[in-house]
Protein backbone atom coordinates (compact mmCIF):
# COMPACT_ATOMS: atom_id res chain seq x y z
CA MET A 1 13.81 -22.70 9.65
CA ARG A 2 16.22 -24.25 7.04
CA VAL A 3 16.55 -27.65 6.33
CA GLN A 4 19.67 -29.61 6.18
CA GLN A 5 19.96 -31.60 2.90
CA ILE A 6 22.27 -34.28 2.72
CA SER A 7 24.34 -34.74 -0.98
CA ILE A 8 25.88 -37.77 -2.40
CA PHE A 9 27.49 -38.11 -5.27
CA LEU A 10 27.15 -41.43 -6.63
CA GLU A 11 28.67 -43.64 -9.71
CA ASN A 12 26.09 -44.98 -11.69
CA LYS A 13 27.25 -48.49 -10.91
CA LYS A 14 25.50 -51.39 -9.21
CA GLY A 15 24.84 -51.62 -5.67
CA ARG A 16 26.21 -48.15 -4.85
CA LEU A 17 22.44 -46.98 -3.91
CA ALA A 18 21.65 -50.02 -2.20
CA LYS A 19 24.74 -49.48 0.20
CA VAL A 20 24.03 -46.08 0.97
CA THR A 21 20.43 -46.89 2.61
CA GLU A 22 22.14 -49.82 4.20
CA VAL A 23 25.11 -47.62 6.11
CA LEU A 24 22.39 -45.32 7.06
CA GLY A 25 19.79 -47.77 7.89
CA GLU A 26 22.64 -49.75 9.99
CA ASN A 27 22.87 -46.44 11.71
CA ASP A 28 19.21 -45.76 12.63
CA ILE A 29 19.18 -43.14 10.36
CA ASN A 30 15.86 -42.68 8.67
CA ILE A 31 15.02 -41.05 5.36
CA ARG A 32 12.54 -38.42 5.27
CA ALA A 33 12.66 -37.32 1.43
CA LEU A 34 14.96 -38.20 -1.49
CA SER A 35 15.63 -36.38 -4.88
CA ILE A 36 18.00 -38.39 -7.37
CA ALA A 37 19.32 -36.62 -10.41
CA ASP A 38 21.39 -39.09 -12.88
CA THR A 39 23.79 -39.02 -16.01
CA THR A 40 25.07 -41.91 -17.92
CA ASP A 41 28.18 -42.11 -15.21
CA PHE A 42 26.96 -40.55 -12.18
CA GLY A 43 24.00 -39.82 -9.87
CA ILE A 44 23.56 -36.95 -7.48
CA LEU A 45 20.92 -38.71 -4.49
CA ARG A 46 19.95 -36.71 -2.09
CA LEU A 47 18.36 -36.44 1.26
CA ILE A 48 16.66 -35.24 3.72
CA VAL A 49 17.17 -37.55 6.83
CA ASN A 50 15.76 -37.43 10.50
CA LYS A 51 20.00 -37.44 11.96
CA PRO A 52 21.66 -35.50 9.02
CA GLN A 53 25.25 -34.14 10.94
CA GLN A 54 25.65 -38.16 11.92
CA ALA A 55 24.44 -39.81 8.36
CA TYR A 56 27.03 -36.72 6.92
CA GLN A 57 29.67 -38.27 8.66
CA ILE A 58 28.60 -41.94 8.68
CA LEU A 59 28.56 -41.51 5.44
CA LYS A 60 32.13 -39.55 4.86
CA GLU A 61 33.74 -42.01 6.71
CA ALA A 62 31.85 -45.40 4.77
CA GLY A 63 34.08 -43.75 1.76
CA PHE A 64 31.26 -41.53 -0.32
CA THR A 65 31.68 -37.79 -1.14
CA VAL A 66 29.00 -36.02 0.61
CA SER A 67 28.07 -32.59 1.12
CA THR A 68 25.49 -30.30 3.11
CA THR A 69 23.07 -27.81 1.61
CA ASP A 70 20.44 -25.45 3.38
CA VAL A 71 16.96 -26.23 1.83
CA ILE A 72 13.83 -24.98 2.91
CA ALA A 73 10.49 -26.83 3.43
CA VAL A 74 7.46 -25.25 2.77
CA GLU A 75 3.89 -26.51 3.21
CA VAL A 76 2.07 -26.37 0.22
CA THR A 77 -2.33 -26.47 -0.07
CA ASP A 78 -3.43 -29.68 -1.55
CA GLN A 79 -5.17 -28.35 -4.23
CA PRO A 80 -4.58 -27.15 -7.62
CA GLY A 81 -2.39 -24.65 -7.92
CA GLY A 82 -1.12 -24.82 -4.69
CA LEU A 83 2.31 -24.88 -5.78
CA SER A 84 1.77 -21.98 -8.33
CA SER A 85 0.80 -19.33 -5.78
CA ILE A 86 4.16 -20.25 -3.94
CA LEU A 87 6.08 -19.91 -7.13
CA ARG A 88 4.62 -16.72 -8.21
CA HIS A 89 5.95 -15.23 -4.85
CA LEU A 90 8.98 -15.76 -5.57
CA ASP A 91 8.89 -15.07 -8.93
CA LYS A 92 8.27 -11.76 -8.38
CA VAL A 93 11.14 -10.56 -6.39
CA GLY A 94 13.46 -12.80 -8.77
CA ILE A 95 14.38 -15.87 -6.63
CA ASN A 96 15.64 -19.01 -8.44
CA ILE A 97 14.42 -22.17 -7.95
CA GLU A 98 17.26 -24.20 -8.43
CA TYR A 99 15.29 -27.67 -8.34
CA LEU A 100 12.36 -28.94 -5.65
CA TYR A 101 11.42 -32.19 -4.66
CA ALA A 102 7.92 -33.45 -2.60
CA PHE A 103 8.55 -34.82 0.93
CA VAL A 104 5.88 -37.75 2.02
CA THR A 105 3.96 -36.44 5.43
CA GLN A 106 0.67 -38.13 7.18
CA THR A 107 -1.35 -35.13 6.59
CA THR A 108 -3.78 -34.79 4.16
CA THR A 109 -4.55 -31.54 3.98
CA ALA A 110 -1.31 -30.27 2.93
CA ALA A 111 1.96 -30.81 0.57
CA LEU A 112 5.61 -30.84 1.77
CA ILE A 113 7.95 -29.28 -0.78
CA VAL A 114 11.79 -29.02 -0.37
CA PHE A 115 12.97 -26.35 -1.98
CA ARG A 116 16.67 -25.24 -3.23
CA VAL A 117 17.20 -21.83 -4.00
CA GLU A 118 20.58 -19.22 -3.63
CA GLN A 119 18.92 -16.77 -1.58
CA VAL A 120 17.43 -18.89 1.11
CA ASP A 121 16.94 -15.94 4.16
CA GLU A 122 15.48 -13.69 1.34
CA ALA A 123 13.08 -16.85 0.37
CA ILE A 124 12.11 -17.43 4.09
CA LYS A 125 11.58 -13.85 4.40
CA VAL A 126 9.15 -13.38 1.12
CA LEU A 127 7.47 -16.38 1.33
CA GLN A 128 6.54 -16.25 5.32
CA GLN A 129 5.26 -12.29 4.38
CA ASN A 130 2.64 -13.96 2.04
CA GLY A 131 1.24 -16.35 4.77
CA VAL A 132 3.36 -19.16 3.66
CA ARG A 133 4.22 -21.89 6.22
CA ILE A 134 8.02 -22.49 6.25
CA VAL A 135 8.56 -25.82 7.90
CA PRO A 136 11.19 -26.12 10.69
CA GLY A 137 14.33 -28.43 10.40
CA ASP A 138 13.45 -30.30 13.61
CA GLU A 139 10.41 -30.86 12.70
CA VAL A 140 10.78 -31.73 9.35
CA TYR A 141 12.99 -34.42 10.81
CA ARG A 142 11.04 -35.71 13.13
CA MET A 143 8.29 -36.39 10.38
């Protein structure tokens, strides 16, 4: 039920983001979702890709500072309050959301949100007990 996210530390310099996407594209790695957080000097690019292990290795070999993190992908009803209901389930049991970002899919009935929490297994358990669909990693990588 976990999804492997690739995080890349990038200097905030012209061409660095382009280089990451070039290296991935040349190696037939498709970016499924991304988020970037930046400061004046650097940024952290977070990616969900179709081949996370291969992406990690290729980016390391290309000289990037790379790490992997387990996240969860949650299907959220695409209507007002859909995300709020899921966040309430986690809040009730004291699970903090470190960050989240949207994932574009072809469906029109649901949105996919990627969550980073400290207690991944507990979050999965709570959400499943409350009828929330957790999208397995192998399914996310194929989207």
